[in-house]
Amino acid sequence: MRPLRRLRLVSAAAGTLIAMFLVAGGAQVSWSSDANLPPIGGDFEETDIVLEADKTLPGTLPGVNDPITQPIGSGSVAAPPQRKFEPVCIPNLADISVECILVNASCSVGADGMLMRILEAPAGQSPPQWADTTRTICQYSDMPLDAPADGTEEVPVVTIEFFRRLPIAPSGLSVEPVPHTLIGAETNVYASPNEQTFNEDIDGFDVTVRAIPTAYTWSYGDGSSLGPTSQPGGPLPADRLGEKTSTSHRYTETGDVQVSLTTTYRGEYSIDGSDWIAISGEAQIDSAAVPLSVWRSVVNNYADNCLENPEGAGC
């Protein structure tokens, strides 16, 4: 005798829990409802139901007009419905509705959030007769909402616009020597890169986003620049200051300059612990500029003995 199959169907409209039992041998169906369950909200996880038996169940399900006529042999999956989205509330710029603003304010993860209701029609129906599912989902201008053709659950897509709005911290910028350097000497600059991770809740999904530094562009403040280069540079020991490095620069004029750095980050994201997905595009983050004074060194020879003539030139 085949084991009993138990399916739990959630009704968003009535807020009831329906249990259906199928006995493979006699194709018996029984229904029960629990009126004590709390009402179920408009947003919940959708799951395709796979019936594993060797029977075809004619007739209808309570509250559903479409008869079940598809054979439900092992591995069969019902064809997914057609789906589209409509705004729950569209703000009227001529007469702004506070209520409408509050409705869309619940969609605050991305840009221009708007609450959308999900409508469905039977698969293959033409023209489709759309019915409100009473479920909702948020749509953002930088995270397009697409109805998947295979009936799988909609998942967010992290776009470059969303990535660039994350609070990515700039690389640390160091200059040596500072605050003064000399004409003709190598002034060393280097970055302190930092990979960063952000945990976001997007429409109920746990989304982890990583910002990874990949390139550095230096501006030395005198019209010269370097990069983008993959080399962040590094510090020198005190007794080696003035040596040439992969990111150092030699100034040819005196004056005050601002040394600046722009770090390029690539992004990737993971949804609910899935594999990492690359984000198309890059973000460029500027570090705070470092002021630097360029001096000229002057050497003079003097013949006076400062012990004998403390007031002499150079004493």
Protein backbone atom coordinates (compact mmCIF):
# COMPACT_ATOMS: atom_id res chain seq x y z
CA MET A 1 0.00 0.00 0.00
CA ARG A 2 1.38 3.39 -1.00
CA PRO A 3 2.03 5.88 1.82
CA LEU A 4 -0.40 8.71 2.49
CA ARG A 5 0.35 12.03 0.74
CA ARG A 6 -0.41 15.19 2.72
CA LEU A 7 -0.51 18.65 1.11
CA ARG A 8 -0.96 21.93 2.97
CA LEU A 9 -2.66 24.65 0.94
CA VAL A 10 -2.71 28.21 2.25
CA SER A 11 -5.63 30.44 1.30
CA ALA A 12 -4.72 34.12 1.48
CA ALA A 13 -8.28 35.31 0.87
CA ALA A 14 -10.05 33.30 3.56
CA GLY A 15 -7.12 32.90 5.92
CA THR A 16 -7.81 29.17 6.39
CA LEU A 17 -5.54 26.17 6.44
CA ILE A 18 -6.76 23.32 4.27
CA ALA A 19 -5.35 19.82 4.54
CA MET A 20 -5.89 17.40 1.65
CA PHE A 21 -5.24 13.71 2.04
CA LEU A 22 -4.81 11.46 -0.97
CA VAL A 23 -4.92 7.71 -0.67
CA ALA A 24 -3.34 6.30 -3.78
CA GLY A 25 -5.34 3.10 -3.76
CA GLY A 26 -8.85 4.60 -3.58
CA ALA A 27 -8.24 8.21 -4.65
CA GLN A 28 -10.12 9.39 -1.55
CA VAL A 29 -10.07 13.10 -0.78
CA SER A 30 -10.92 14.70 2.56
CA TRP A 31 -10.87 18.35 3.57
CA SER A 32 -10.50 20.05 6.92
CA SER A 33 -10.14 23.69 7.93
CA ASP A 34 -8.97 25.36 11.10
CA ALA A 35 -10.96 28.51 11.79
CA ASN A 36 -8.74 29.36 14.77
CA LEU A 37 -5.73 30.15 12.65
CA PRO A 38 -4.89 33.85 12.38
CA PRO A 39 -5.54 35.53 9.02
CA ILE A 40 -2.68 35.15 6.60
CA GLY A 41 -1.22 38.34 5.14
CA GLY A 42 -0.84 39.20 1.52
CA ASP A 43 2.86 38.20 1.27
CA PHE A 44 3.89 34.59 1.65
CA GLU A 45 6.13 32.10 -0.08
CA GLU A 46 4.73 30.37 -3.14
CA THR A 47 5.53 26.71 -3.73
CA ASP A 48 4.76 24.55 -6.75
CA ILE A 49 2.93 21.37 -5.70
CA VAL A 50 4.10 18.04 -7.08
CA LEU A 51 1.68 15.12 -6.64
CA GLU A 52 3.34 11.73 -6.69
CA ALA A 53 0.67 9.12 -7.44
CA ASP A 54 -0.73 7.27 -10.43
CA LYS A 55 -4.18 8.82 -10.48
CA THR A 56 -6.07 11.58 -12.23
CA LEU A 57 -8.37 13.56 -9.95
CA PRO A 58 -11.37 15.03 -11.79
CA GLY A 59 -13.58 17.57 -10.13
CA THR A 60 -12.77 20.84 -8.43
CA LEU A 61 -11.02 22.06 -5.31
CA PRO A 62 -13.13 24.06 -2.85
CA GLY A 63 -12.91 27.75 -3.79
CA VAL A 64 -11.12 27.06 -7.08
CA ASN A 65 -13.08 27.08 -10.35
CA ASP A 66 -10.57 25.26 -12.52
CA PRO A 67 -11.00 21.46 -12.47
CA ILE A 68 -7.99 19.27 -11.79
CA THR A 69 -7.66 17.19 -14.94
CA GLN A 70 -3.89 16.88 -15.31
CA PRO A 71 -2.48 13.38 -14.74
CA ILE A 72 -0.43 13.44 -11.58
CA GLY A 73 2.06 10.74 -12.23
CA SER A 74 5.45 10.88 -10.52
CA GLY A 75 7.29 14.12 -11.34
CA SER A 76 4.33 15.97 -12.85
CA VAL A 77 4.21 19.74 -12.22
CA ALA A 78 1.25 21.99 -12.98
CA ALA A 79 1.90 24.57 -15.69
CA PRO A 80 2.68 27.95 -14.07
CA PRO A 81 0.08 30.69 -14.40
CA GLN A 82 0.55 33.87 -16.37
CA ARG A 83 1.45 36.74 -14.10
CA LYS A 84 1.57 40.52 -14.19
CA PHE A 85 1.91 43.36 -11.70
CA GLU A 86 -0.12 46.51 -11.13
CA PRO A 87 0.52 49.37 -8.68
CA VAL A 88 -1.53 49.22 -5.51
CA CYS A 89 -1.57 53.01 -5.45
CA ILE A 90 -0.25 55.60 -7.92
CA PRO A 91 0.49 59.05 -6.41
CA ASN A 92 -1.31 61.89 -8.17
CA LEU A 93 1.18 64.74 -8.46
CA ALA A 94 -1.67 67.24 -8.84
CA ASP A 95 -3.34 66.02 -5.66
CA ILE A 96 -0.82 64.10 -3.58
CA SER A 97 -2.49 61.46 -1.43
CA VAL A 98 -0.87 60.95 1.97
CA GLU A 99 -2.42 57.50 2.11
CA CYS A 100 -0.83 56.58 -1.21
CA ILE A 101 2.56 57.84 -0.06
CA LEU A 102 2.32 55.74 3.08
CA VAL A 103 1.43 52.64 1.06
CA ASN A 104 4.52 52.96 -1.14
CA ALA A 105 6.71 53.95 1.84
CA SER A 106 6.70 50.27 2.85
CA CYS A 107 8.99 49.66 -0.16
CA SER A 108 12.14 51.38 1.09
CA VAL A 109 15.02 49.10 0.09
CA GLY A 110 15.67 50.55 -3.38
CA ALA A 111 14.94 53.69 -5.37
CA ASP A 112 11.38 54.83 -6.16
CA GLY A 113 9.77 51.93 -4.30
CA MET A 114 6.21 51.11 -5.33
CA LEU A 115 3.95 48.42 -3.89
CA MET A 116 2.59 46.18 -6.65
CA ARG A 117 -0.29 43.70 -6.52
CA ILE A 118 0.21 40.33 -8.22
CA LEU A 119 -2.40 39.27 -10.78
CA GLU A 120 -2.57 35.83 -12.37
CA ALA A 121 -4.39 34.10 -15.22
CA PRO A 122 -4.49 30.41 -16.14
CA ALA A 123 -1.56 29.18 -18.19
CA GLY A 124 -2.21 29.43 -21.92
CA GLN A 125 -5.42 31.44 -21.58
CA SER A 126 -5.77 34.00 -24.41
CA PRO A 127 -6.76 36.66 -23.85
CA PRO A 128 -5.87 36.22 -20.18
CA GLN A 129 -8.57 36.89 -17.61
CA TRP A 130 -6.55 38.45 -14.81
CA ALA A 131 -7.50 37.80 -11.20
CA ASP A 132 -6.14 39.52 -8.11
CA THR A 133 -4.16 37.06 -5.97
CA THR A 134 -4.30 39.45 -2.94
CA ARG A 135 -0.51 39.13 -2.76
CA THR A 136 1.88 42.06 -3.13
CA ILE A 137 5.53 42.66 -3.92
CA CYS A 138 7.77 45.74 -4.02
CA GLN A 139 9.14 47.11 -7.28
CA TYR A 140 12.10 49.51 -7.54
CA SER A 141 13.44 51.49 -10.47
CA ASP A 142 16.91 50.02 -9.97
CA MET A 143 15.68 46.45 -9.34
CA PRO A 144 13.36 45.52 -12.23
CA LEU A 145 10.56 43.15 -11.32
CA ASP A 146 10.10 40.41 -13.90
CA ALA A 147 7.54 37.63 -13.82
CA PRO A 148 9.48 34.39 -14.34
CA ALA A 149 8.21 32.23 -17.15
CA ASP A 150 8.77 28.95 -15.31
CA GLY A 151 6.68 29.79 -12.26
CA THR A 152 9.64 29.96 -9.90
CA GLU A 153 9.72 32.47 -7.08
CA GLU A 154 10.71 36.01 -7.94
CA VAL A 155 14.12 36.88 -6.51
CA PRO A 156 15.71 40.32 -6.37
CA VAL A 157 18.42 41.37 -8.80
CA VAL A 158 21.07 43.70 -7.37
CA THR A 159 21.83 46.32 -10.00
CA ILE A 160 24.83 48.62 -10.24
CA GLU A 161 22.63 51.57 -9.19
CA PHE A 162 21.71 49.77 -5.98
CA PHE A 163 25.37 48.80 -5.43
CA ARG A 164 26.57 52.40 -5.84
CA ARG A 165 24.10 53.62 -3.21
CA LEU A 166 25.57 51.33 -0.55
CA PRO A 167 27.72 53.12 2.08
CA ILE A 168 31.01 51.84 0.66
CA ALA A 169 33.87 53.26 2.70
CA PRO A 170 36.80 54.77 0.77
CA SER A 171 40.31 53.37 0.95
CA GLY A 172 42.68 54.94 3.44
CA LEU A 173 45.12 57.37 1.80
CA SER A 174 48.62 57.95 3.16
CA VAL A 175 51.43 60.24 1.99
CA GLU A 176 55.05 60.14 3.16
CA PRO A 177 56.69 62.37 4.07
CA VAL A 178 53.83 64.62 5.17
CA PRO A 179 52.92 67.47 5.62
CA HIS A 180 56.09 68.58 3.75
CA THR A 181 58.09 67.11 0.92
CA LEU A 182 60.98 68.31 -1.27
CA ILE A 183 61.30 69.06 -4.96
CA GLY A 184 63.08 66.25 -6.78
CA ALA A 185 62.58 63.70 -4.02
CA GLU A 186 60.24 60.73 -4.40
CA THR A 187 57.06 61.32 -2.42
CA ASN A 188 55.45 57.96 -1.61
CA VAL A 189 51.66 57.54 -1.61
CA TYR A 190 49.70 54.38 -0.87
CA ALA A 191 46.18 53.10 -0.25
CA SER A 192 44.83 50.90 2.53
CA PRO A 193 42.17 48.89 0.67
CA ASN A 194 39.29 47.24 2.47
CA GLU A 195 36.87 44.63 1.15
CA GLN A 196 33.41 45.29 2.60
CA THR A 197 30.27 43.22 3.17
CA PHE A 198 26.69 44.46 3.47
CA ASN A 199 23.71 42.43 4.64
CA GLU A 200 20.40 43.61 3.15
CA ASP A 201 16.80 42.44 3.50
CA ILE A 202 15.19 42.78 0.06
CA ASP A 203 11.54 41.69 -0.17
CA GLY A 204 12.09 39.05 2.52
CA PHE A 205 15.33 37.68 1.02
CA ASP A 206 18.60 37.76 2.94
CA VAL A 207 20.97 39.37 0.43
CA THR A 208 24.69 39.68 1.12
CA VAL A 209 26.63 42.15 -1.04
CA ARG A 210 30.42 42.34 -1.24
CA ALA A 211 32.39 45.37 -2.43
CA ILE A 212 35.89 44.37 -3.57
CA PRO A 213 38.57 46.97 -4.44
CA THR A 214 40.15 46.31 -7.81
CA ALA A 215 41.92 49.49 -8.98
CA TYR A 216 43.35 52.79 -7.72
CA THR A 217 43.69 56.16 -9.46
CA TRP A 218 45.99 58.77 -7.94
CA SER A 219 45.99 62.52 -8.48
CA TYR A 220 49.14 64.20 -7.17
CA GLY A 221 47.73 67.72 -7.17
CA ASP A 222 50.16 69.20 -9.70
CA GLY A 223 48.39 67.98 -12.83
CA SER A 224 50.01 64.55 -12.73
CA SER A 225 48.14 61.32 -12.11
CA LEU A 226 48.63 57.56 -12.03
CA GLY A 227 46.17 54.81 -12.84
CA PRO A 228 43.90 53.15 -12.73
CA THR A 229 46.36 50.57 -11.44
CA SER A 230 45.89 47.39 -9.47
CA GLN A 231 48.80 48.37 -7.18
CA PRO A 232 47.71 50.03 -3.89
CA GLY A 233 51.31 50.74 -2.93
CA GLY A 234 52.66 50.47 0.59
CA PRO A 235 54.61 52.26 3.33
CA LEU A 236 58.41 52.69 3.43
CA PRO A 237 60.68 52.40 6.46
CA ALA A 238 61.76 55.77 7.83
CA ASP A 239 65.36 55.28 6.66
CA ARG A 240 64.21 54.66 3.07
CA LEU A 241 61.98 57.70 2.58
CA GLY A 242 62.71 59.34 -0.75
CA GLU A 243 63.10 56.05 -2.63
CA LYS A 244 61.08 55.39 -5.76
CA THR A 245 58.04 53.10 -5.40
CA SER A 246 55.31 51.86 -7.77
CA THR A 247 53.07 54.76 -6.67
CA SER A 248 55.56 57.54 -5.77
CA HIS A 249 55.84 60.93 -7.50
CA ARG A 250 58.51 63.61 -7.93
CA TYR A 251 57.36 67.23 -7.74
CA THR A 252 59.10 69.83 -9.91
CA GLU A 253 57.66 73.02 -8.40
CA THR A 254 57.09 74.35 -4.93
CA GLY A 255 53.64 75.05 -3.59
CA ASP A 256 50.70 73.52 -1.78
CA VAL A 257 48.94 70.56 -3.41
CA GLN A 258 46.10 68.15 -2.62
CA VAL A 259 46.85 64.46 -3.11
CA SER A 260 43.72 62.46 -3.87
CA LEU A 261 42.73 58.84 -4.52
CA THR A 262 39.78 57.14 -6.22
CA THR A 263 39.22 53.44 -5.57
CA THR A 264 37.27 51.27 -8.02
CA TYR A 265 35.11 48.51 -6.51
CA ARG A 266 33.46 45.58 -8.20
CA GLY A 267 30.44 43.97 -6.57
CA GLU A 268 28.87 40.57 -6.12
CA TYR A 269 25.90 39.30 -4.15
CA SER A 270 24.45 36.14 -2.68
CA ILE A 271 20.76 35.44 -2.00
CA ASP A 272 19.93 33.31 1.04
CA GLY A 273 23.43 31.81 1.02
CA SER A 274 23.48 30.93 -2.69
CA ASP A 275 26.53 31.14 -4.96
CA TRP A 276 27.96 34.60 -5.57
CA ILE A 277 26.53 36.51 -8.54
CA ALA A 278 28.58 39.27 -10.20
CA ILE A 279 27.07 42.75 -10.39
CA SER A 280 27.43 44.32 -13.83
CA GLY A 281 29.39 47.58 -13.49
CA GLU A 282 31.67 49.23 -10.96
CA ALA A 283 31.55 51.83 -8.20
CA GLN A 284 34.21 54.53 -7.76
CA ILE A 285 34.74 55.90 -4.27
CA ASP A 286 36.86 59.01 -3.53
CA SER A 287 39.07 59.22 -0.46
CA ALA A 288 39.55 62.43 1.46
CA ALA A 289 42.41 64.45 -0.07
CA VAL A 290 45.66 64.91 1.85
CA PRO A 291 47.22 68.44 1.84
CA LEU A 292 50.95 68.57 1.11
CA SER A 293 53.48 71.41 0.91
CA VAL A 294 56.34 71.06 -1.59
CA TRP A 295 59.51 72.82 -0.49
CA ARG A 296 62.83 73.61 -2.09
CA SER A 297 66.05 72.69 -0.31
CA VAL A 298 68.93 75.23 -0.37
CA VAL A 299 72.55 74.47 0.55
CA ASN A 300 74.97 77.29 1.45
CA ASN A 301 78.66 77.15 2.41
CA TYR A 302 79.91 79.44 5.17
CA ALA A 303 83.48 80.12 6.29
CA ASP A 304 82.67 81.49 9.76
CA ASN A 305 83.39 79.46 12.88
CA CYS A 306 80.18 79.68 14.87
CA LEU A 307 82.08 79.04 18.11
CA GLU A 308 84.20 82.09 17.46
CA ASN A 309 81.47 84.16 15.81
CA PRO A 310 78.02 83.00 16.98
CA GLU A 311 76.44 85.90 15.03
CA GLY A 312 77.97 84.79 11.72
CA ALA A 313 75.94 83.76 8.67
CA GLY A 314 74.52 80.29 9.03
CA CYS A 315 75.08 80.19 12.84
